[in-house]
Amino acid sequence: MNISLGAPELLLLFFALFPAIALFDIWRSNAKDSFEKIVWTCVVLFFNVVGVIVYISVGRKDKFVYDVIRKFKSAT
């Protein structure tokens, strides 16, 4: 079986799979209230690829990287 990723497959990832993963992450998060979940859902749905990038860079406050940064800042 020969599997190759070309332009159509990569576009499918950006326009279908990544928003679906982002939406799943938004709604499973316990750190967000209902209003915040609705706002992030609208951002991801209306601004498909850009919305996912913005959510990953700004909206994921409950992840490991933010905990490490907080601990580093409090230690200094």
N, C-alpha and C. Protein backbone atom coordinates (compact mmCIF):
# COMPACT_ATOMS: atom_id res chain seq x y z
N MET A 1 0.85 -1.18 0.00
CA MET A 1 0.00 0.00 0.00
C MET A 1 0.90 1.24 0.00
N ASN A 2 0.69 2.11 -0.94
CA ASN A 2 1.47 3.33 -1.07
C ASN A 2 0.60 4.51 -0.63
N ILE A 3 0.98 5.15 0.47
CA ILE A 3 0.23 6.29 0.98
C ILE A 3 1.09 7.54 0.81
N SER A 4 0.53 8.49 0.10
CA SER A 4 1.24 9.75 -0.07
C SER A 4 0.30 10.90 0.26
N LEU A 5 0.87 11.92 0.87
CA LEU A 5 0.09 13.11 1.20
C LEU A 5 0.40 14.20 0.19
N GLY A 6 -0.59 14.53 -0.58
CA GLY A 6 -0.45 15.61 -1.54
C GLY A 6 -1.25 16.81 -1.10
N ALA A 7 -1.43 17.74 -1.98
CA ALA A 7 -2.16 18.96 -1.67
C ALA A 7 -3.61 18.70 -1.26
N PRO A 8 -4.35 17.83 -1.96
CA PRO A 8 -5.75 17.61 -1.54
C PRO A 8 -5.86 17.02 -0.13
N GLU A 9 -4.97 16.13 0.21
CA GLU A 9 -5.02 15.51 1.53
C GLU A 9 -4.67 16.52 2.63
N LEU A 10 -3.69 17.35 2.36
CA LEU A 10 -3.32 18.37 3.34
C LEU A 10 -4.42 19.40 3.52
N LEU A 11 -5.07 19.77 2.43
CA LEU A 11 -6.21 20.69 2.53
C LEU A 11 -7.35 20.08 3.34
N LEU A 12 -7.58 18.80 3.15
CA LEU A 12 -8.60 18.11 3.93
C LEU A 12 -8.27 18.16 5.41
N LEU A 13 -7.00 17.97 5.76
CA LEU A 13 -6.58 18.07 7.16
C LEU A 13 -6.88 19.45 7.72
N PHE A 14 -6.51 20.49 6.99
CA PHE A 14 -6.71 21.85 7.48
C PHE A 14 -8.18 22.22 7.59
N PHE A 15 -8.99 21.83 6.61
CA PHE A 15 -10.37 22.30 6.57
C PHE A 15 -11.37 21.38 7.24
N ALA A 16 -11.00 20.17 7.59
CA ALA A 16 -11.95 19.25 8.21
C ALA A 16 -11.44 18.67 9.52
N LEU A 17 -10.27 18.10 9.51
CA LEU A 17 -9.80 17.38 10.68
C LEU A 17 -9.37 18.31 11.81
N PHE A 18 -8.58 19.32 11.53
CA PHE A 18 -8.11 20.22 12.57
C PHE A 18 -9.25 20.97 13.26
N PRO A 19 -10.23 21.52 12.53
CA PRO A 19 -11.37 22.14 13.24
C PRO A 19 -12.14 21.14 14.09
N ALA A 20 -12.28 19.91 13.62
CA ALA A 20 -12.99 18.91 14.42
C ALA A 20 -12.23 18.61 15.71
N ILE A 21 -10.93 18.51 15.64
CA ILE A 21 -10.12 18.27 16.83
C ILE A 21 -10.21 19.47 17.78
N ALA A 22 -10.16 20.67 17.23
CA ALA A 22 -10.26 21.87 18.06
C ALA A 22 -11.62 21.94 18.75
N LEU A 23 -12.69 21.63 18.02
CA LEU A 23 -14.03 21.65 18.62
C LEU A 23 -14.15 20.61 19.73
N PHE A 24 -13.60 19.43 19.52
CA PHE A 24 -13.60 18.40 20.55
C PHE A 24 -12.85 18.89 21.79
N ASP A 25 -11.71 19.53 21.58
CA ASP A 25 -10.91 20.04 22.69
C ASP A 25 -11.64 21.14 23.44
N ILE A 26 -12.33 22.00 22.72
CA ILE A 26 -13.09 23.09 23.34
C ILE A 26 -14.16 22.53 24.26
N TRP A 27 -14.93 21.57 23.78
CA TRP A 27 -16.08 21.10 24.55
C TRP A 27 -15.72 20.10 25.64
N ARG A 28 -14.53 19.51 25.60
CA ARG A 28 -14.14 18.61 26.68
C ARG A 28 -13.42 19.34 27.80
N SER A 29 -13.05 20.58 27.60
CA SER A 29 -12.27 21.35 28.56
C SER A 29 -13.13 21.72 29.76
N ASN A 30 -12.57 21.51 30.94
CA ASN A 30 -13.25 21.91 32.18
C ASN A 30 -12.88 23.32 32.61
N ALA A 31 -11.86 23.89 32.00
CA ALA A 31 -11.39 25.21 32.39
C ALA A 31 -12.22 26.34 31.79
N LYS A 32 -13.10 26.02 30.88
CA LYS A 32 -13.89 27.05 30.20
C LYS A 32 -15.34 26.97 30.66
N ASP A 33 -15.97 28.15 30.80
CA ASP A 33 -17.40 28.15 31.09
C ASP A 33 -18.18 28.03 29.78
N SER A 34 -19.49 27.92 29.87
CA SER A 34 -20.32 27.67 28.68
C SER A 34 -20.21 28.80 27.66
N PHE A 35 -20.22 30.04 28.13
CA PHE A 35 -20.13 31.17 27.20
C PHE A 35 -18.82 31.15 26.44
N GLU A 36 -17.73 30.87 27.14
CA GLU A 36 -16.41 30.82 26.48
C GLU A 36 -16.36 29.69 25.46
N LYS A 37 -16.99 28.56 25.77
CA LYS A 37 -17.03 27.45 24.82
C LYS A 37 -17.81 27.83 23.56
N ILE A 38 -18.91 28.54 23.73
CA ILE A 38 -19.72 28.97 22.58
C ILE A 38 -18.94 29.96 21.72
N VAL A 39 -18.24 30.90 22.36
CA VAL A 39 -17.45 31.88 21.60
C VAL A 39 -16.35 31.19 20.81
N TRP A 40 -15.60 30.27 21.45
CA TRP A 40 -14.53 29.58 20.74
C TRP A 40 -15.09 28.69 19.63
N THR A 41 -16.25 28.09 19.84
CA THR A 41 -16.87 27.29 18.79
C THR A 41 -17.19 28.15 17.58
N CYS A 42 -17.74 29.33 17.81
CA CYS A 42 -18.05 30.24 16.69
C CYS A 42 -16.78 30.68 15.97
N VAL A 43 -15.73 30.97 16.72
CA VAL A 43 -14.46 31.38 16.10
C VAL A 43 -13.93 30.28 15.21
N VAL A 44 -13.94 29.03 15.70
CA VAL A 44 -13.40 27.92 14.91
C VAL A 44 -14.28 27.64 13.70
N LEU A 45 -15.60 27.72 13.85
CA LEU A 45 -16.49 27.43 12.72
C LEU A 45 -16.48 28.51 11.65
N PHE A 46 -16.47 29.78 12.06
CA PHE A 46 -16.55 30.87 11.09
C PHE A 46 -15.21 31.21 10.45
N PHE A 47 -14.13 31.02 11.19
CA PHE A 47 -12.80 31.34 10.68
C PHE A 47 -11.96 30.06 10.69
N ASN A 48 -12.37 29.12 9.91
CA ASN A 48 -11.90 27.74 9.91
C ASN A 48 -10.43 27.57 10.30
N VAL A 49 -9.52 27.74 9.40
CA VAL A 49 -8.10 27.49 9.67
C VAL A 49 -7.53 28.55 10.60
N VAL A 50 -7.84 29.79 10.37
CA VAL A 50 -7.34 30.87 11.21
C VAL A 50 -7.91 30.72 12.63
N GLY A 51 -9.16 30.32 12.75
CA GLY A 51 -9.77 30.10 14.06
C GLY A 51 -9.08 29.01 14.84
N VAL A 52 -8.69 27.93 14.17
CA VAL A 52 -7.97 26.84 14.84
C VAL A 52 -6.61 27.33 15.32
N ILE A 53 -5.91 28.08 14.48
CA ILE A 53 -4.59 28.59 14.86
C ILE A 53 -4.71 29.54 16.05
N VAL A 54 -5.70 30.41 16.02
CA VAL A 54 -5.90 31.35 17.13
C VAL A 54 -6.28 30.58 18.40
N TYR A 55 -7.13 29.58 18.29
CA TYR A 55 -7.52 28.80 19.47
C TYR A 55 -6.31 28.08 20.06
N ILE A 56 -5.50 27.48 19.22
CA ILE A 56 -4.34 26.75 19.72
C ILE A 56 -3.35 27.71 20.39
N SER A 57 -3.17 28.89 19.82
CA SER A 57 -2.17 29.81 20.38
C SER A 57 -2.69 30.62 21.56
N VAL A 58 -3.99 30.89 21.63
CA VAL A 58 -4.52 31.76 22.68
C VAL A 58 -5.49 31.03 23.61
N GLY A 59 -6.32 30.18 23.09
CA GLY A 59 -7.43 29.65 23.86
C GLY A 59 -7.15 28.48 24.75
N ARG A 60 -6.03 27.83 24.60
CA ARG A 60 -5.74 26.63 25.39
C ARG A 60 -4.95 26.99 26.64
N LYS A 61 -5.62 27.58 27.62
CA LYS A 61 -4.94 28.02 28.84
C LYS A 61 -4.77 26.91 29.86
N ASP A 62 -5.40 25.80 29.67
CA ASP A 62 -5.37 24.74 30.68
C ASP A 62 -4.36 23.65 30.34
N LYS A 63 -3.36 23.98 29.56
CA LYS A 63 -2.42 22.96 29.11
C LYS A 63 -1.08 23.08 29.82
N PHE A 64 -0.26 22.12 29.60
CA PHE A 64 1.03 21.96 30.27
C PHE A 64 1.96 23.15 30.08
N VAL A 65 2.00 23.70 28.89
CA VAL A 65 2.93 24.80 28.60
C VAL A 65 2.63 26.00 29.49
N TYR A 66 1.36 26.32 29.66
CA TYR A 66 0.99 27.45 30.50
C TYR A 66 1.34 27.20 31.96
N ASP A 67 1.20 25.96 32.43
CA ASP A 67 1.59 25.63 33.80
C ASP A 67 3.09 25.81 34.00
N VAL A 68 3.87 25.38 33.04
CA VAL A 68 5.32 25.52 33.14
C VAL A 68 5.71 26.99 33.15
N ILE A 69 5.12 27.79 32.29
CA ILE A 69 5.43 29.22 32.24
C ILE A 69 5.05 29.89 33.55
N ARG A 70 3.88 29.55 34.11
CA ARG A 70 3.47 30.13 35.39
C ARG A 70 4.43 29.77 36.51
N LYS A 71 4.85 28.52 36.55
CA LYS A 71 5.79 28.08 37.60
C LYS A 71 7.14 28.76 37.43
N PHE A 72 7.58 28.93 36.21
CA PHE A 72 8.85 29.60 35.95
C PHE A 72 8.80 31.06 36.37
N LYS A 73 7.70 31.74 36.07
CA LYS A 73 7.56 33.14 36.44
C LYS A 73 7.48 33.31 37.95
N SER A 74 6.80 32.40 38.63
CA SER A 74 6.67 32.52 40.08
C SER A 74 7.98 32.18 40.79
N ALA A 75 8.84 31.38 40.16
CA ALA A 75 10.12 31.02 40.77
C ALA A 75 11.15 32.14 40.66
N THR A 76 10.98 33.02 39.67
CA THR A 76 11.96 34.10 39.48
C THR A 76 11.64 35.32 40.29
